[in-house]
């Protein structure tokens, strides 16, 4: 993923994760990758990924189960 470091990075990460969700890379009901895993993969700080994941939760695309992680929300 090519990032434009002259603008905030977290919205770019959120957009990349949206693309992956739309492409079905993370199926509904499945556990979403851990923040640290995504941070290492995308070469960004974990706090950047946390902010992007929080945005996806606010959009209703993910939900979190305490102690288990984030999961992809399906169409209910």
PDB file of N, CA and C in Angstrom:
ATOM      1  N   UNK A   1       0.850  -1.171   0.000  1.00  0.00           N
ATOM      2  CA  UNK A   1       0.000   0.000   0.000  1.00  0.00           C
ATOM      3  C   UNK A   1       0.895   1.233   0.000  1.00  0.00           C
ATOM      4  N   UNK A   2       0.679   2.105  -0.961  1.00  0.00           N
ATOM      5  CA  UNK A   2       1.440   3.357  -1.037  1.00  0.00           C
ATOM      6  C   UNK A   2       0.683   4.429  -0.255  1.00  0.00           C
ATOM      7  N   UNK A   3       1.365   4.981   0.731  1.00  0.00           N
ATOM      8  CA  UNK A   3       0.748   6.003   1.570  1.00  0.00           C
ATOM      9  C   UNK A   3       1.285   7.380   1.232  1.00  0.00           C
ATOM     10  N   UNK A   4       0.412   8.365   1.266  1.00  0.00           N
ATOM     11  CA  UNK A   4       0.806   9.758   1.123  1.00  0.00           C
ATOM     12  C   UNK A   4       1.040  10.289   2.530  1.00  0.00           C
ATOM     13  N   UNK A   5       2.290  10.372   2.918  1.00  0.00           N
ATOM     14  CA  UNK A   5       2.622  10.756   4.291  1.00  0.00           C
ATOM     15  C   UNK A   5       2.459  12.262   4.540  1.00  0.00           C
ATOM     16  N   UNK A   6       2.063  13.010   3.513  1.00  0.00           N
ATOM     17  CA  UNK A   6       1.855  14.449   3.701  1.00  0.00           C
ATOM     18  C   UNK A   6       0.452  14.763   4.226  1.00  0.00           C
ATOM     19  N   UNK A   7      -0.393  13.740   4.280  1.00  0.00           N
ATOM     20  CA  UNK A   7      -1.754  13.884   4.819  1.00  0.00           C
ATOM     21  C   UNK A   7      -1.943  12.810   5.885  1.00  0.00           C
ATOM     22  N   UNK A   8      -2.971  12.933   6.743  1.00  0.00           N
ATOM     23  CA  UNK A   8      -3.178  11.920   7.780  1.00  0.00           C
ATOM     24  C   UNK A   8      -3.244  10.507   7.185  1.00  0.00           C
ATOM     25  N   UNK A   9      -2.565   9.598   7.849  1.00  0.00           N
ATOM     26  CA  UNK A   9      -2.441   8.234   7.328  1.00  0.00           C
ATOM     27  C   UNK A   9      -3.656   7.375   7.673  1.00  0.00           C
ATOM     28  N   UNK A  10      -4.261   7.592   8.854  1.00  0.00           N
ATOM     29  CA  UNK A  10      -5.331   6.681   9.262  1.00  0.00           C
ATOM     30  C   UNK A  10      -6.503   6.636   8.280  1.00  0.00           C
ATOM     31  N   UNK A  11      -6.916   7.772   7.648  1.00  0.00           N
ATOM     32  CA  UNK A  11      -8.015   7.646   6.674  1.00  0.00           C
ATOM     33  C   UNK A  11      -7.621   6.807   5.457  1.00  0.00           C
ATOM     34  N   UNK A  12      -6.349   6.853   5.096  1.00  0.00           N
ATOM     35  CA  UNK A  12      -5.869   6.036   3.978  1.00  0.00           C
ATOM     36  C   UNK A  12      -5.908   4.557   4.350  1.00  0.00           C
ATOM     37  N   UNK A  13      -5.529   4.256   5.578  1.00  0.00           N
ATOM     38  CA  UNK A  13      -5.585   2.875   6.062  1.00  0.00           C
ATOM     39  C   UNK A  13      -7.043   2.413   6.123  1.00  0.00           C
ATOM     40  N   UNK A  14      -7.923   3.259   6.634  1.00  0.00           N
ATOM     41  CA  UNK A  14      -9.344   2.910   6.700  1.00  0.00           C
ATOM     42  C   UNK A  14      -9.889   2.614   5.306  1.00  0.00           C
ATOM     43  N   UNK A  15      -9.495   3.404   4.331  1.00  0.00           N
ATOM     44  CA  UNK A  15      -9.969   3.187   2.956  1.00  0.00           C
ATOM     45  C   UNK A  15      -9.455   1.854   2.403  1.00  0.00           C
ATOM     46  N   UNK A  16      -8.211   1.525   2.682  1.00  0.00           N
ATOM     47  CA  UNK A  16      -7.650   0.240   2.254  1.00  0.00           C
ATOM     48  C   UNK A  16      -8.412  -0.919   2.893  1.00  0.00           C
ATOM     49  N   UNK A  17      -8.722  -0.793   4.172  1.00  0.00           N
ATOM     50  CA  UNK A  17      -9.469  -1.846   4.852  1.00  0.00           C
ATOM     51  C   UNK A  17     -10.891  -1.949   4.316  1.00  0.00           C
ATOM     52  N   UNK A  18     -11.507  -0.822   3.968  1.00  0.00           N
ATOM     53  CA  UNK A  18     -12.839  -0.847   3.323  1.00  0.00           C
ATOM     54  C   UNK A  18     -12.770  -1.602   2.004  1.00  0.00           C
ATOM     55  N   UNK A  19     -11.735  -1.321   1.214  1.00  0.00           N
ATOM     56  CA  UNK A  19     -11.575  -2.014  -0.083  1.00  0.00           C
ATOM     57  C   UNK A  19     -11.477  -3.520   0.144  1.00  0.00           C
ATOM     58  N   UNK A  20     -10.707  -3.916   1.151  1.00  0.00           N
ATOM     59  CA  UNK A  20     -10.549  -5.338   1.447  1.00  0.00           C
ATOM     60  C   UNK A  20     -11.871  -5.957   1.895  1.00  0.00           C
ATOM     61  N   UNK A  21     -12.609  -5.242   2.714  1.00  0.00           N
ATOM     62  CA  UNK A  21     -13.917  -5.742   3.146  1.00  0.00           C
ATOM     63  C   UNK A  21     -14.856  -5.878   1.950  1.00  0.00           C
ATOM     64  N   UNK A  22     -14.886  -4.869   1.087  1.00  0.00           N
ATOM     65  CA  UNK A  22     -15.759  -4.895  -0.091  1.00  0.00           C
ATOM     66  C   UNK A  22     -15.394  -6.028  -1.043  1.00  0.00           C
ATOM     67  N   UNK A  23     -14.107  -6.360  -1.101  1.00  0.00           N
ATOM     68  CA  UNK A  23     -13.630  -7.428  -1.987  1.00  0.00           C
ATOM     69  C   UNK A  23     -13.864  -8.817  -1.383  1.00  0.00           C
ATOM     70  N   UNK A  24     -14.328  -8.869  -0.133  1.00  0.00           N
ATOM     71  CA  UNK A  24     -14.584 -10.148   0.501  1.00  0.00           C
ATOM     72  C   UNK A  24     -13.354 -10.810   1.089  1.00  0.00           C
ATOM     73  N   UNK A  25     -12.278 -10.056   1.222  1.00  0.00           N
ATOM     74  CA  UNK A  25     -11.050 -10.613   1.785  1.00  0.00           C
ATOM     75  C   UNK A  25     -11.260 -11.035   3.240  1.00  0.00           C
ATOM     76  N   UNK A  26     -12.141 -10.338   3.931  1.00  0.00           N
ATOM     77  CA  UNK A  26     -12.493 -10.665   5.305  1.00  0.00           C
ATOM     78  C   UNK A  26     -13.986 -10.973   5.321  1.00  0.00           C
ATOM     79  N   UNK A  27     -14.373 -12.238   5.298  1.00  0.00           N
ATOM     80  CA  UNK A  27     -15.789 -12.606   5.220  1.00  0.00           C
ATOM     81  C   UNK A  27     -16.581 -12.232   6.474  1.00  0.00           C
ATOM     82  N   UNK A  28     -17.860 -12.015   6.295  1.00  0.00           N
ATOM     83  CA  UNK A  28     -18.761 -11.674   7.399  1.00  0.00           C
ATOM     84  C   UNK A  28     -18.704 -12.756   8.466  1.00  0.00           C
ATOM     85  N   UNK A  29     -18.660 -12.315   9.716  1.00  0.00           N
ATOM     86  CA  UNK A  29     -18.624 -13.226  10.848  1.00  0.00           C
ATOM     87  C   UNK A  29     -17.235 -13.682  11.237  1.00  0.00           C
ATOM     88  N   UNK A  30     -16.274 -13.459  10.371  1.00  0.00           N
ATOM     89  CA  UNK A  30     -14.906 -13.883  10.647  1.00  0.00           C
ATOM     90  C   UNK A  30     -14.181 -12.855  11.503  1.00  0.00           C
ATOM     91  N   UNK A  31     -13.184 -13.333  12.234  1.00  0.00           N
ATOM     92  CA  UNK A  31     -12.364 -12.442  13.061  1.00  0.00           C
ATOM     93  C   UNK A  31     -11.525 -11.558  12.138  1.00  0.00           C
ATOM     94  N   UNK A  32     -11.524 -10.274  12.425  1.00  0.00           N
ATOM     95  CA  UNK A  32     -10.727  -9.309  11.675  1.00  0.00           C
ATOM     96  C   UNK A  32      -9.286  -9.417  12.162  1.00  0.00           C
ATOM     97  N   UNK A  33      -8.302  -9.213  11.298  1.00  0.00           N
ATOM     98  CA  UNK A  33      -6.908  -9.307  11.740  1.00  0.00           C
ATOM     99  C   UNK A  33      -6.611  -8.352  12.902  1.00  0.00           C
ATOM    100  N   UNK A  34      -5.683  -8.769  13.739  1.00  0.00           N
ATOM    101  CA  UNK A  34      -5.296  -7.971  14.902  1.00  0.00           C
ATOM    102  C   UNK A  34      -4.629  -6.672  14.472  1.00  0.00           C
ATOM    103  N   UNK A  35      -4.762  -5.661  15.303  1.00  0.00           N
ATOM    104  CA  UNK A  35      -4.184  -4.337  15.028  1.00  0.00           C
ATOM    105  C   UNK A  35      -2.681  -4.454  14.763  1.00  0.00           C
ATOM    106  N   UNK A  36      -1.971  -5.167  15.611  1.00  0.00           N
ATOM    107  CA  UNK A  36      -0.516  -5.284  15.435  1.00  0.00           C
ATOM    108  C   UNK A  36      -0.151  -5.992  14.137  1.00  0.00           C
ATOM    109  N   UNK A  37      -0.937  -6.984  13.760  1.00  0.00           N
ATOM    110  CA  UNK A  37      -0.712  -7.710  12.506  1.00  0.00           C
ATOM    111  C   UNK A  37      -0.886  -6.764  11.307  1.00  0.00           C
ATOM    112  N   UNK A  38      -1.972  -6.008  11.309  1.00  0.00           N
ATOM    113  CA  UNK A  38      -2.221  -5.064  10.216  1.00  0.00           C
ATOM    114  C   UNK A  38      -1.178  -3.952  10.199  1.00  0.00           C
ATOM    115  N   UNK A  39      -0.780  -3.478  11.375  1.00  0.00           N
ATOM    116  CA  UNK A  39       0.231  -2.415  11.447  1.00  0.00           C
ATOM    117  C   UNK A  39       1.534  -2.875  10.824  1.00  0.00           C
ATOM    118  N   UNK A  40       1.947  -4.103  11.129  1.00  0.00           N
ATOM    119  CA  UNK A  40       3.186  -4.630  10.557  1.00  0.00           C
ATOM    120  C   UNK A  40       3.052  -4.807   9.043  1.00  0.00           C
ATOM    121  N   UNK A  41       1.913  -5.322   8.613  1.00  0.00           N
ATOM    122  CA  UNK A  41       1.684  -5.541   7.180  1.00  0.00           C
ATOM    123  C   UNK A  41       1.686  -4.234   6.395  1.00  0.00           C
ATOM    124  N   UNK A  42       1.052  -3.206   6.955  1.00  0.00           N
ATOM    125  CA  UNK A  42       0.913  -1.930   6.249  1.00  0.00           C
ATOM    126  C   UNK A  42       2.050  -0.953   6.547  1.00  0.00           C
ATOM    127  N   UNK A  43       2.935  -1.344   7.460  1.00  0.00           N
ATOM    128  CA  UNK A  43       4.084  -0.514   7.845  1.00  0.00           C
ATOM    129  C   UNK A  43       3.649   0.839   8.396  1.00  0.00           C
ATOM    130  N   UNK A  44       2.709   0.767   9.349  1.00  0.00           N
ATOM    131  CA  UNK A  44       2.231   1.966  10.040  1.00  0.00           C
ATOM    132  C   UNK A  44       2.196   1.661  11.541  1.00  0.00           C
ATOM    133  N   UNK A  45       1.999   2.682  12.336  1.00  0.00           N
ATOM    134  CA  UNK A  45       1.930   2.508  13.791  1.00  0.00           C
ATOM    135  C   UNK A  45       0.618   1.818  14.172  1.00  0.00           C
ATOM    136  N   UNK A  46       0.648   0.990  15.222  1.00  0.00           N
ATOM    137  CA  UNK A  46      -0.593   0.363  15.682  1.00  0.00           C
ATOM    138  C   UNK A  46      -1.693   1.374  16.001  1.00  0.00           C
ATOM    139  N   UNK A  47      -1.334   2.534  16.531  1.00  0.00           N
ATOM    140  CA  UNK A  47      -2.351   3.549  16.840  1.00  0.00           C
ATOM    141  C   UNK A  47      -3.062   4.035  15.575  1.00  0.00           C
ATOM    142  N   UNK A  48      -2.358   4.036  14.455  1.00  0.00           N
ATOM    143  CA  UNK A  48      -2.961   4.424  13.177  1.00  0.00           C
ATOM    144  C   UNK A  48      -4.022   3.406  12.773  1.00  0.00           C
ATOM    145  N   UNK A  49      -3.690   2.134  12.919  1.00  0.00           N
ATOM    146  CA  UNK A  49      -4.649   1.075  12.581  1.00  0.00           C
ATOM    147  C   UNK A  49      -5.820   1.112  13.561  1.00  0.00           C
ATOM    148  N   UNK A  50      -5.556   1.356  14.832  1.00  0.00           N
ATOM    149  CA  UNK A  50      -6.635   1.441  15.820  1.00  0.00           C
ATOM    150  C   UNK A  50      -7.641   2.504  15.435  1.00  0.00           C
ATOM    151  N   UNK A  51      -7.144   3.646  14.974  1.00  0.00           N
ATOM    152  CA  UNK A  51      -8.034   4.739  14.574  1.00  0.00           C
ATOM    153  C   UNK A  51      -8.859   4.343  13.341  1.00  0.00           C
ATOM    154  N   UNK A  52      -8.227   3.660  12.397  1.00  0.00           N
ATOM    155  CA  UNK A  52      -8.928   3.213  11.193  1.00  0.00           C
ATOM    156  C   UNK A  52      -9.992   2.178  11.545  1.00  0.00           C
ATOM    157  N   UNK A  53      -9.650   1.237  12.424  1.00  0.00           N
ATOM    158  CA  UNK A  53     -10.605   0.209  12.847  1.00  0.00           C
ATOM    159  C   UNK A  53     -11.770   0.848  13.610  1.00  0.00           C
ATOM    160  N   UNK A  54     -11.478   1.841  14.439  1.00  0.00           N
ATOM    161  CA  UNK A  54     -12.542   2.553  15.159  1.00  0.00           C
ATOM    162  C   UNK A  54     -13.513   3.200  14.175  1.00  0.00           C
ATOM    163  N   UNK A  55     -12.986   3.762  13.095  1.00  0.00           N
ATOM    164  CA  UNK A  55     -13.850   4.371  12.078  1.00  0.00           C
ATOM    165  C   UNK A  55     -14.742   3.311  11.432  1.00  0.00           C
ATOM    166  N   UNK A  56     -14.189   2.128  11.159  1.00  0.00           N
ATOM    167  CA  UNK A  56     -14.985   1.057  10.557  1.00  0.00           C
ATOM    168  C   UNK A  56     -16.052   0.543  11.532  1.00  0.00           C
ATOM    169  N   UNK A  57     -15.733   0.537  12.822  1.00  0.00           N
ATOM    170  CA  UNK A  57     -16.739   0.164  13.829  1.00  0.00           C
ATOM    171  C   UNK A  57     -17.869   1.187  13.839  1.00  0.00           C
ATOM    172  N   UNK A  58     -17.514   2.473  13.802  1.00  0.00           N
ATOM    173  CA  UNK A  58     -18.527   3.530  13.797  1.00  0.00           C
ATOM    174  C   UNK A  58     -19.430   3.448  12.569  1.00  0.00           C
ATOM    175  N   UNK A  59     -18.869   2.976  11.465  1.00  0.00           N
ATOM    176  CA  UNK A  59     -19.641   2.809  10.226  1.00  0.00           C
ATOM    177  C   UNK A  59     -20.505   1.550  10.257  1.00  0.00           C
ATOM    178  N   UNK A  60     -20.299   0.714  11.273  1.00  0.00           N
ATOM    179  CA  UNK A  60     -21.069  -0.517  11.369  1.00  0.00           C
ATOM    180  C   UNK A  60     -20.504  -1.660  10.556  1.00  0.00           C
ATOM    181  N   UNK A  61     -19.264  -1.555  10.140  1.00  0.00           N
ATOM    182  CA  UNK A  61     -18.662  -2.614   9.329  1.00  0.00           C
ATOM    183  C   UNK A  61     -17.968  -3.669  10.167  1.00  0.00           C
ATOM    184  N   UNK A  62     -17.602  -3.307  11.391  1.00  0.00           N
ATOM    185  CA  UNK A  62     -16.954  -4.219  12.327  1.00  0.00           C
ATOM    186  C   UNK A  62     -17.637  -4.111  13.679  1.00  0.00           C
ATOM    187  N   UNK A  63     -17.474  -5.144  14.488  1.00  0.00           N
ATOM    188  CA  UNK A  63     -17.901  -5.078  15.888  1.00  0.00           C
ATOM    189  C   UNK A  63     -16.828  -5.761  16.715  1.00  0.00           C
ATOM    190  N   UNK A  64     -16.764  -5.419  17.982  1.00  0.00           N
ATOM    191  CA  UNK A  64     -15.734  -5.950  18.859  1.00  0.00           C
ATOM    192  C   UNK A  64     -16.357  -6.752  19.981  1.00  0.00           C
ATOM    193  N   UNK A  65     -15.740  -7.897  20.275  1.00  0.00           N
ATOM    194  CA  UNK A  65     -16.116  -8.725  21.412  1.00  0.00           C
ATOM    195  C   UNK A  65     -14.953  -8.629  22.389  1.00  0.00           C
ATOM    196  N   UNK A  66     -15.247  -8.121  23.579  1.00  0.00           N
ATOM    197  CA  UNK A  66     -14.215  -7.914  24.584  1.00  0.00           C
ATOM    198  C   UNK A  66     -13.416  -9.195  24.826  1.00  0.00           C
ATOM    199  N   UNK A  67     -12.122  -9.079  24.725  1.00  0.00           N
ATOM    200  CA  UNK A  67     -11.236 -10.208  24.971  1.00  0.00           C
ATOM    201  C   UNK A  67     -11.071 -11.142  23.777  1.00  0.00           C
ATOM    202  N   UNK A  68     -11.808 -10.900  22.690  1.00  0.00           N
ATOM    203  CA  UNK A  68     -11.721 -11.772  21.517  1.00  0.00           C
ATOM    204  C   UNK A  68     -11.264 -11.055  20.261  1.00  0.00           C
ATOM    205  N   UNK A  69     -11.483  -9.757  20.180  1.00  0.00           N
ATOM    206  CA  UNK A  69     -11.064  -9.004  19.013  1.00  0.00           C
ATOM    207  C   UNK A  69     -12.219  -8.431  18.225  1.00  0.00           C
ATOM    208  N   UNK A  70     -11.902  -7.982  17.027  1.00  0.00           N
ATOM    209  CA  UNK A  70     -12.898  -7.391  16.139  1.00  0.00           C
ATOM    210  C   UNK A  70     -13.338  -8.433  15.122  1.00  0.00           C
ATOM    211  N   UNK A  71     -14.600  -8.308  14.716  1.00  0.00           N
ATOM    212  CA  UNK A  71     -15.181  -9.242  13.755  1.00  0.00           C
ATOM    213  C   UNK A  71     -15.884  -8.461  12.651  1.00  0.00           C
ATOM    214  N   UNK A  72     -15.980  -9.081  11.489  1.00  0.00           N
ATOM    215  CA  UNK A  72     -16.637  -8.460  10.344  1.00  0.00           C
ATOM    216  C   UNK A  72     -18.140  -8.633  10.512  1.00  0.00           C
ATOM    217  N   UNK A  73     -18.844  -7.512  10.449  1.00  0.00           N
ATOM    218  CA  UNK A  73     -20.291  -7.537  10.580  1.00  0.00           C
ATOM    219  C   UNK A  73     -20.899  -7.914   9.232  1.00  0.00           C
ATOM    220  N   UNK A  74     -21.872  -8.794   9.285  1.00  0.00           N
ATOM    221  CA  UNK A  74     -22.560  -9.217   8.063  1.00  0.00           C
ATOM    222  C   UNK A  74     -23.829  -8.429   7.849  1.00  0.00           C
ATOM    223  N   UNK A  75     -24.466  -8.677   6.743  1.00  0.00           N
ATOM    224  CA  UNK A  75     -25.769  -8.050   6.460  1.00  0.00           C
ATOM    225  C   UNK A  75     -26.829  -8.798   7.238  1.00  0.00           C
ATOM    226  N   UNK A  76     -27.462  -8.117   8.179  1.00  0.00           N
ATOM    227  CA  UNK A  76     -28.500  -8.759   8.976  1.00  0.00           C
ATOM    228  C   UNK A  76     -29.870  -8.388   8.512  1.00  0.00           C
TER     229      UNK A  76
END
